[in-house]
Amino acid sequence: MSDLLRTLNADGVKEFRQYLQGLRGGSVTAPPFHLLTDPAYSNDFAADVPIRTQPFTDNYAFGSYLSTTLSGLNRNQIAYDSALWSWLALYFFDHVCPLENGKRSVLEDAVYILAETFNHRRYYRHLVRTPWEAVSRNGDCAKVLLQTRAGGKRSDIFEQLAARQTIFGNRTIIAGAYQLYYDPTAQLPKRGAGGKGAGSPRRLVSFVQQIDLTYDLQACTPKQFLDLLPKEFAKFIPVTSAA
């Protein structure tokens, strides 16, 4: 059974925030899902968009569902709609903050409640908006950002690449990172694709920052980008890299 997309108003956000604070204080109260439909706490969305909860195998599957469900909307308009993303975080709360052994491990407010003023260092941490943005921008290449080997919510690859707006927003770099660090056969990030060593995502970020003023990386193909990389990345580059 599906529901219709809505947005949280200021009172709804306040109640949601208080609920999160209560969890941190040891409360085991069920999520306030009534806020999602109560007109005192939420508003109709501008369009009738059906949405439903379901199990997701990982954040790539979650992002793919969101990308498909929201595909008929203006991407630039919804990207900064804090009321929408906060509503979605509550709607999918059992996914973004699952109940485990009778408790929920709640994180900082920013990963559930999107700030009204854009700040990429905070926005990229949102547990609903970021999977949507990653998949809607990068398609299958978003797997390198959203899937993990250990089953956690976020990998070192994600933290290094998504935290920098100029990298997260560059399809060429993400496509290059997919070829470097993702194993399409195993459908998982490659073993050893983390840490601080040679060829790691941290080193990739450092290299991109060095050449960003010299090369127009937005205009490069993924292969051209990979060809620019120094020898330390050779162990990760596929024998035949895509154009």
C-alpha atoms as a PDB file:
ATOM      1  CA  MET A   1       0.000   0.000   0.000  1.00  0.00           C
ATOM      2  CA  SER A   2       1.402   3.394  -0.963  1.00  0.00           C
ATOM      3  CA  ASP A   3       1.111   6.837   0.598  1.00  0.00           C
ATOM      4  CA  LEU A   4       1.336  10.290  -0.919  1.00  0.00           C
ATOM      5  CA  LEU A   5       4.461  12.378  -0.546  1.00  0.00           C
ATOM      6  CA  ARG A   6       4.169  15.242   1.952  1.00  0.00           C
ATOM      7  CA  THR A   7       6.453  17.697   3.757  1.00  0.00           C
ATOM      8  CA  LEU A   8       7.014  18.429   7.435  1.00  0.00           C
ATOM      9  CA  ASN A   9       6.133  21.913   8.613  1.00  0.00           C
ATOM     10  CA  ALA A  10       8.031  23.767  11.372  1.00  0.00           C
ATOM     11  CA  ASP A  11       5.996  22.110  14.132  1.00  0.00           C
ATOM     12  CA  GLY A  12       6.548  18.699  12.564  1.00  0.00           C
ATOM     13  CA  VAL A  13      10.303  19.258  12.422  1.00  0.00           C
ATOM     14  CA  LYS A  14      10.262  20.381  16.052  1.00  0.00           C
ATOM     15  CA  GLU A  15       8.429  17.224  17.138  1.00  0.00           C
ATOM     16  CA  PHE A  16      10.761  15.039  15.082  1.00  0.00           C
ATOM     17  CA  ARG A  17      13.785  16.725  16.664  1.00  0.00           C
ATOM     18  CA  GLN A  18      12.366  16.184  20.143  1.00  0.00           C
ATOM     19  CA  TYR A  19      11.817  12.523  19.332  1.00  0.00           C
ATOM     20  CA  LEU A  20      15.483  12.174  18.303  1.00  0.00           C
ATOM     21  CA  GLN A  21      16.581  13.836  21.536  1.00  0.00           C
ATOM     22  CA  GLY A  22      14.410  11.423  23.464  1.00  0.00           C
ATOM     23  CA  LEU A  23      16.073   8.438  21.795  1.00  0.00           C
ATOM     24  CA  ARG A  24      19.464   9.749  22.836  1.00  0.00           C
ATOM     25  CA  GLY A  25      18.154   9.967  26.371  1.00  0.00           C
ATOM     26  CA  GLY A  26      17.170   6.314  26.398  1.00  0.00           C
ATOM     27  CA  SER A  27      13.563   6.483  25.210  1.00  0.00           C
ATOM     28  CA  VAL A  28      12.219   3.424  23.397  1.00  0.00           C
ATOM     29  CA  THR A  29       9.126   5.208  22.099  1.00  0.00           C
ATOM     30  CA  ALA A  30       7.993   4.250  18.587  1.00  0.00           C
ATOM     31  CA  PRO A  31       8.676   6.794  15.816  1.00  0.00           C
ATOM     32  CA  PRO A  32       6.047   9.560  15.592  1.00  0.00           C
ATOM     33  CA  PHE A  33       4.763   8.423  12.223  1.00  0.00           C
ATOM     34  CA  HIS A  34       1.497  10.287  12.832  1.00  0.00           C
ATOM     35  CA  LEU A  35       3.396  13.499  12.010  1.00  0.00           C
ATOM     36  CA  LEU A  36       3.630  12.321   8.418  1.00  0.00           C
ATOM     37  CA  THR A  37      -0.077  12.743   7.720  1.00  0.00           C
ATOM     38  CA  ASP A  38      -1.367  15.005  10.485  1.00  0.00           C
ATOM     39  CA  PRO A  39      -2.140  18.424   8.880  1.00  0.00           C
ATOM     40  CA  ALA A  40      -1.013  20.098  12.107  1.00  0.00           C
ATOM     41  CA  TYR A  41       2.521  18.853  11.470  1.00  0.00           C
ATOM     42  CA  SER A  42       2.782  18.241   7.733  1.00  0.00           C
ATOM     43  CA  ASN A  43       1.636  19.725   4.448  1.00  0.00           C
ATOM     44  CA  ASP A  44       0.539  18.381   1.085  1.00  0.00           C
ATOM     45  CA  PHE A  45       3.329  18.192  -1.467  1.00  0.00           C
ATOM     46  CA  ALA A  46       2.988  20.191  -4.684  1.00  0.00           C
ATOM     47  CA  ALA A  47       2.336  17.032  -6.718  1.00  0.00           C
ATOM     48  CA  ASP A  48       0.664  13.676  -6.053  1.00  0.00           C
ATOM     49  CA  VAL A  49       3.627  11.309  -5.770  1.00  0.00           C
ATOM     50  CA  PRO A  50       2.917   7.770  -4.470  1.00  0.00           C
ATOM     51  CA  ILE A  51       5.564   6.370  -2.140  1.00  0.00           C
ATOM     52  CA  ARG A  52       5.807   3.284   0.041  1.00  0.00           C
ATOM     53  CA  THR A  53       8.079   1.699   2.593  1.00  0.00           C
ATOM     54  CA  GLN A  54       9.853  -1.546   1.818  1.00  0.00           C
ATOM     55  CA  PRO A  55      13.039  -3.393   2.753  1.00  0.00           C
ATOM     56  CA  PHE A  56      16.217  -2.247   0.978  1.00  0.00           C
ATOM     57  CA  THR A  57      19.296  -4.423   0.669  1.00  0.00           C
ATOM     58  CA  ASP A  58      21.651  -1.438   0.845  1.00  0.00           C
ATOM     59  CA  ASN A  59      21.801   2.309   0.282  1.00  0.00           C
ATOM     60  CA  TYR A  60      22.250   1.890  -3.450  1.00  0.00           C
ATOM     61  CA  ALA A  61      18.925   0.047  -3.644  1.00  0.00           C
ATOM     62  CA  PHE A  62      17.419   2.758  -1.439  1.00  0.00           C
ATOM     63  CA  GLY A  63      18.810   5.526  -3.653  1.00  0.00           C
ATOM     64  CA  SER A  64      17.602   3.750  -6.787  1.00  0.00           C
ATOM     65  CA  TYR A  65      14.082   3.527  -5.400  1.00  0.00           C
ATOM     66  CA  LEU A  66      14.102   7.222  -4.492  1.00  0.00           C
ATOM     67  CA  SER A  67      15.571   8.227  -7.845  1.00  0.00           C
ATOM     68  CA  THR A  68      12.836   6.340  -9.701  1.00  0.00           C
ATOM     69  CA  THR A  69      10.022   7.485  -7.419  1.00  0.00           C
ATOM     70  CA  LEU A  70      11.009  11.155  -7.597  1.00  0.00           C
ATOM     71  CA  SER A  71      12.077  11.143 -11.253  1.00  0.00           C
ATOM     72  CA  GLY A  72       9.025  13.098 -12.403  1.00  0.00           C
ATOM     73  CA  LEU A  73       9.894  16.068 -10.176  1.00  0.00           C
ATOM     74  CA  ASN A  74      12.192  18.995 -10.905  1.00  0.00           C
ATOM     75  CA  ARG A  75      15.513  17.847  -9.511  1.00  0.00           C
ATOM     76  CA  ASN A  76      16.840  21.334  -8.819  1.00  0.00           C
ATOM     77  CA  GLN A  77      13.707  22.303  -6.924  1.00  0.00           C
ATOM     78  CA  ILE A  78      13.526  19.282  -4.632  1.00  0.00           C
ATOM     79  CA  ALA A  79      17.280  19.069  -3.976  1.00  0.00           C
ATOM     80  CA  TYR A  80      17.111  21.871  -1.403  1.00  0.00           C
ATOM     81  CA  ASP A  81      13.605  21.271  -0.066  1.00  0.00           C
ATOM     82  CA  SER A  82      14.443  20.688   3.596  1.00  0.00           C
ATOM     83  CA  ALA A  83      10.805  20.057   4.532  1.00  0.00           C
ATOM     84  CA  LEU A  84      10.591  17.245   1.968  1.00  0.00           C
ATOM     85  CA  TRP A  85      13.802  15.460   2.973  1.00  0.00           C
ATOM     86  CA  SER A  86      13.014  15.705   6.677  1.00  0.00           C
ATOM     87  CA  TRP A  87       9.584  14.172   5.988  1.00  0.00           C
ATOM     88  CA  LEU A  88      11.230  11.387   3.982  1.00  0.00           C
ATOM     89  CA  ALA A  89      13.718  10.684   6.782  1.00  0.00           C
ATOM     90  CA  LEU A  90      10.842  10.147   9.197  1.00  0.00           C
ATOM     91  CA  TYR A  91       8.896   8.130   6.615  1.00  0.00           C
ATOM     92  CA  PHE A  92      11.874   5.800   6.108  1.00  0.00           C
ATOM     93  CA  PHE A  93      13.031   5.955   9.733  1.00  0.00           C
ATOM     94  CA  ASP A  94      13.042   2.177  10.097  1.00  0.00           C
ATOM     95  CA  HIS A  95      15.614   2.062   7.292  1.00  0.00           C
ATOM     96  CA  VAL A  96      17.815   5.008   8.288  1.00  0.00           C
ATOM     97  CA  CYS A  97      17.653   4.249  12.028  1.00  0.00           C
ATOM     98  CA  PRO A  98      16.657   0.593  12.365  1.00  0.00           C
ATOM     99  CA  LEU A  99      15.510  -1.014  15.576  1.00  0.00           C
ATOM    100  CA  GLU A 100      18.182  -3.492  16.713  1.00  0.00           C
ATOM    101  CA  ASN A 101      17.861  -5.494  19.929  1.00  0.00           C
ATOM    102  CA  GLY A 102      15.109  -3.179  21.076  1.00  0.00           C
ATOM    103  CA  LYS A 103      17.113   0.031  20.565  1.00  0.00           C
ATOM    104  CA  ARG A 104      17.892   2.533  17.823  1.00  0.00           C
ATOM    105  CA  SER A 105      21.387   3.980  17.406  1.00  0.00           C
ATOM    106  CA  VAL A 106      20.432   7.560  16.670  1.00  0.00           C
ATOM    107  CA  LEU A 107      23.005   9.856  15.076  1.00  0.00           C
ATOM    108  CA  GLU A 108      23.215  13.637  14.895  1.00  0.00           C
ATOM    109  CA  ASP A 109      20.081  15.534  13.872  1.00  0.00           C
ATOM    110  CA  ALA A 110      21.615  16.594  10.533  1.00  0.00           C
ATOM    111  CA  VAL A 111      21.442  13.085   9.097  1.00  0.00           C
ATOM    112  CA  TYR A 112      17.649  13.075   9.510  1.00  0.00           C
ATOM    113  CA  ILE A 113      16.574  16.732   9.537  1.00  0.00           C
ATOM    114  CA  LEU A 114      17.869  18.720   6.577  1.00  0.00           C
ATOM    115  CA  ALA A 115      18.905  22.280   7.361  1.00  0.00           C
ATOM    116  CA  GLU A 116      16.970  25.029   5.596  1.00  0.00           C
ATOM    117  CA  THR A 117      20.215  26.719   4.507  1.00  0.00           C
ATOM    118  CA  PHE A 118      22.452  24.767   2.131  1.00  0.00           C
ATOM    119  CA  ASN A 119      25.789  23.642   3.518  1.00  0.00           C
ATOM    120  CA  HIS A 120      27.349  20.714   1.690  1.00  0.00           C
ATOM    121  CA  ARG A 121      29.354  19.624   4.721  1.00  0.00           C
ATOM    122  CA  ARG A 122      26.031  19.010   6.463  1.00  0.00           C
ATOM    123  CA  TYR A 123      23.840  18.102   3.493  1.00  0.00           C
ATOM    124  CA  TYR A 124      26.000  15.209   2.314  1.00  0.00           C
ATOM    125  CA  ARG A 125      25.437  13.464   5.639  1.00  0.00           C
ATOM    126  CA  HIS A 126      21.658  13.280   5.191  1.00  0.00           C
ATOM    127  CA  LEU A 127      20.676   9.605   5.058  1.00  0.00           C
ATOM    128  CA  VAL A 128      17.889  10.023   2.494  1.00  0.00           C
ATOM    129  CA  ARG A 129      18.852  12.941   0.287  1.00  0.00           C
ATOM    130  CA  THR A 130      22.392  11.709  -0.396  1.00  0.00           C
ATOM    131  CA  PRO A 131      21.488   8.213  -1.698  1.00  0.00           C
ATOM    132  CA  TRP A 132      18.912   9.883  -3.966  1.00  0.00           C
ATOM    133  CA  GLU A 133      21.414  12.459  -5.213  1.00  0.00           C
ATOM    134  CA  ALA A 134      24.189   9.908  -5.728  1.00  0.00           C
ATOM    135  CA  VAL A 135      22.021   7.620  -7.874  1.00  0.00           C
ATOM    136  CA  SER A 136      20.173  10.357  -9.740  1.00  0.00           C
ATOM    137  CA  ARG A 137      23.511  11.923 -10.718  1.00  0.00           C
ATOM    138  CA  ASN A 138      25.634   8.841 -11.318  1.00  0.00           C
ATOM    139  CA  GLY A 139      23.414   5.820 -11.974  1.00  0.00           C
ATOM    140  CA  ASP A 140      25.221   2.507 -11.449  1.00  0.00           C
ATOM    141  CA  CYS A 141      28.468   4.316 -10.615  1.00  0.00           C
ATOM    142  CA  ALA A 142      26.856   5.393  -7.337  1.00  0.00           C
ATOM    143  CA  LYS A 143      27.410   1.829  -6.118  1.00  0.00           C
ATOM    144  CA  VAL A 144      31.014   2.736  -5.277  1.00  0.00           C
ATOM    145  CA  LEU A 145      29.694   5.359  -2.864  1.00  0.00           C
ATOM    146  CA  LEU A 146      26.680   3.599  -1.389  1.00  0.00           C
ATOM    147  CA  GLN A 147      27.607  -0.058  -1.026  1.00  0.00           C
ATOM    148  CA  THR A 148      29.935  -1.366   1.679  1.00  0.00           C
ATOM    149  CA  ARG A 149      31.768  -4.628   2.273  1.00  0.00           C
ATOM    150  CA  ALA A 150      31.073  -4.652   6.010  1.00  0.00           C
ATOM    151  CA  GLY A 151      27.372  -3.931   5.709  1.00  0.00           C
ATOM    152  CA  GLY A 152      27.595  -0.554   7.436  1.00  0.00           C
ATOM    153  CA  LYS A 153      25.794   2.570   6.329  1.00  0.00           C
ATOM    154  CA  ARG A 154      28.852   4.358   4.941  1.00  0.00           C
ATOM    155  CA  SER A 155      32.305   3.408   3.739  1.00  0.00           C
ATOM    156  CA  ASP A 156      35.597   5.284   3.748  1.00  0.00           C
ATOM    157  CA  ILE A 157      35.143   5.684  -0.017  1.00  0.00           C
ATOM    158  CA  PHE A 158      31.892   7.519   0.631  1.00  0.00           C
ATOM    159  CA  GLU A 159      33.289   9.695   3.397  1.00  0.00           C
ATOM    160  CA  GLN A 160      36.281  10.781   1.318  1.00  0.00           C
ATOM    161  CA  LEU A 161      34.480  11.461  -1.965  1.00  0.00           C
ATOM    162  CA  ALA A 162      31.035  12.654  -0.884  1.00  0.00           C
ATOM    163  CA  ALA A 163      32.347  15.123   1.696  1.00  0.00           C
ATOM    164  CA  ARG A 164      33.849  17.307  -1.060  1.00  0.00           C
ATOM    165  CA  GLN A 165      31.200  19.057  -3.112  1.00  0.00           C
ATOM    166  CA  THR A 166      33.483  19.516  -6.137  1.00  0.00           C
ATOM    167  CA  ILE A 167      34.138  15.769  -6.188  1.00  0.00           C
ATOM    168  CA  PHE A 168      30.678  14.480  -5.260  1.00  0.00           C
ATOM    169  CA  GLY A 169      29.146  16.693  -7.938  1.00  0.00           C
ATOM    170  CA  ASN A 170      31.575  15.614 -10.674  1.00  0.00           C
ATOM    171  CA  ARG A 171      30.266  12.633 -12.663  1.00  0.00           C
ATOM    172  CA  THR A 172      33.650  12.026 -14.279  1.00  0.00           C
ATOM    173  CA  ILE A 173      35.424  11.624 -10.951  1.00  0.00           C
ATOM    174  CA  ILE A 174      32.720   9.347  -9.536  1.00  0.00           C
ATOM    175  CA  ALA A 175      32.782   7.231 -12.720  1.00  0.00           C
ATOM    176  CA  GLY A 176      36.563   7.031 -12.388  1.00  0.00           C
ATOM    177  CA  ALA A 177      36.274   6.054  -8.729  1.00  0.00           C
ATOM    178  CA  TYR A 178      33.790   3.340  -9.712  1.00  0.00           C
ATOM    179  CA  GLN A 179      36.360   1.839 -12.077  1.00  0.00           C
ATOM    180  CA  LEU A 180      39.112   2.156  -9.492  1.00  0.00           C
ATOM    181  CA  TYR A 181      37.394   0.863  -6.397  1.00  0.00           C
ATOM    182  CA  TYR A 182      34.352  -1.207  -7.384  1.00  0.00           C
ATOM    183  CA  ASP A 183      34.256  -4.882  -8.335  1.00  0.00           C
ATOM    184  CA  PRO A 184      31.293  -5.364 -10.704  1.00  0.00           C
ATOM    185  CA  THR A 185      31.608  -9.147 -10.491  1.00  0.00           C
ATOM    186  CA  ALA A 186      31.364  -9.267  -6.718  1.00  0.00           C
ATOM    187  CA  GLN A 187      28.984  -6.278  -6.719  1.00  0.00           C
ATOM    188  CA  LEU A 188      30.992  -4.806  -3.853  1.00  0.00           C
ATOM    189  CA  PRO A 189      33.822  -2.315  -3.375  1.00  0.00           C
ATOM    190  CA  LYS A 190      37.220  -3.897  -3.993  1.00  0.00           C
ATOM    191  CA  ARG A 191      39.153  -5.257  -1.044  1.00  0.00           C
ATOM    192  CA  GLY A 192      41.724  -2.742   0.153  1.00  0.00           C
ATOM    193  CA  ALA A 193      39.853   0.220  -1.337  1.00  0.00           C
ATOM    194  CA  GLY A 194      40.104   2.319   1.792  1.00  0.00           C
ATOM    195  CA  GLY A 195      42.557   3.592   4.349  1.00  0.00           C
ATOM    196  CA  LYS A 196      45.356   6.084   3.736  1.00  0.00           C
ATOM    197  CA  GLY A 197      47.794   4.140   1.554  1.00  0.00           C
ATOM    198  CA  ALA A 198      48.889   4.522  -2.053  1.00  0.00           C
ATOM    199  CA  GLY A 199      45.974   4.656  -4.472  1.00  0.00           C
ATOM    200  CA  SER A 200      43.383   5.056  -1.713  1.00  0.00           C
ATOM    201  CA  PRO A 201      40.346   7.351  -1.978  1.00  0.00           C
ATOM    202  CA  ARG A 202      42.139   9.791   0.339  1.00  0.00           C
ATOM    203  CA  ARG A 203      45.017   9.935  -2.100  1.00  0.00           C
ATOM    204  CA  LEU A 204      42.552  10.360  -4.980  1.00  0.00           C
ATOM    205  CA  VAL A 205      41.025  13.392  -3.256  1.00  0.00           C
ATOM    206  CA  SER A 206      44.488  14.859  -2.692  1.00  0.00           C
ATOM    207  CA  PHE A 207      45.422  14.345  -6.356  1.00  0.00           C
ATOM    208  CA  VAL A 208      42.171  15.884  -7.631  1.00  0.00           C
ATOM    209  CA  GLN A 209      42.715  18.936  -5.453  1.00  0.00           C
ATOM    210  CA  GLN A 210      46.203  19.338  -6.939  1.00  0.00           C
ATOM    211  CA  ILE A 211      45.107  19.239 -10.587  1.00  0.00           C
ATOM    212  CA  ASP A 212      41.636  20.775 -10.343  1.00  0.00           C
ATOM    213  CA  LEU A 213      42.858  24.221 -11.364  1.00  0.00           C
ATOM    214  CA  THR A 214      44.886  22.844 -14.266  1.00  0.00           C
ATOM    215  CA  TYR A 215      42.390  20.437 -15.848  1.00  0.00           C
ATOM    216  CA  ASP A 216      38.678  20.781 -16.554  1.00  0.00           C
ATOM    217  CA  LEU A 217      37.718  17.442 -15.027  1.00  0.00           C
ATOM    218  CA  GLN A 218      34.035  18.001 -15.789  1.00  0.00           C
ATOM    219  CA  ALA A 219      34.917  17.909 -19.495  1.00  0.00           C
ATOM    220  CA  CYS A 220      37.098  14.769 -19.252  1.00  0.00           C
ATOM    221  CA  THR A 221      35.892  11.269 -19.965  1.00  0.00           C
ATOM    222  CA  PRO A 222      36.447   8.727 -17.162  1.00  0.00           C
ATOM    223  CA  LYS A 223      39.280   7.168 -19.202  1.00  0.00           C
ATOM    224  CA  GLN A 224      40.973  10.530 -19.687  1.00  0.00           C
ATOM    225  CA  PHE A 225      40.716  11.110 -15.951  1.00  0.00           C
ATOM    226  CA  LEU A 226      42.206   7.694 -15.150  1.00  0.00           C
ATOM    227  CA  ASP A 227      45.037   8.359 -17.610  1.00  0.00           C
ATOM    228  CA  LEU A 228      46.005  11.404 -15.545  1.00  0.00           C
ATOM    229  CA  LEU A 229      46.466   9.394 -12.356  1.00  0.00           C
ATOM    230  CA  PRO A 230      50.001   8.722 -11.081  1.00  0.00           C
ATOM    231  CA  LYS A 231      51.461   5.215 -10.817  1.00  0.00           C
ATOM    232  CA  GLU A 232      50.303   4.668  -7.239  1.00  0.00           C
ATOM    233  CA  PHE A 233      46.757   4.066  -8.597  1.00  0.00           C
ATOM    234  CA  ALA A 234      47.857   1.442 -11.135  1.00  0.00           C
ATOM    235  CA  LYS A 235      46.898  -1.497  -8.898  1.00  0.00           C
ATOM    236  CA  PHE A 236      43.271  -0.348  -8.918  1.00  0.00           C
ATOM    237  CA  ILE A 237      42.889   0.597 -12.584  1.00  0.00           C
ATOM    238  CA  PRO A 238      41.131  -2.127 -14.615  1.00  0.00           C
ATOM    239  CA  VAL A 239      43.082  -3.600 -17.536  1.00  0.00           C
ATOM    240  CA  THR A 240      40.474  -2.146 -19.887  1.00  0.00           C
ATOM    241  CA  SER A 241      38.913   1.017 -18.519  1.00  0.00           C
ATOM    242  CA  ALA A 242      35.724   2.388 -20.041  1.00  0.00           C
ATOM    243  CA  ALA A 243      35.698   5.589 -22.036  1.00  0.00           C
END
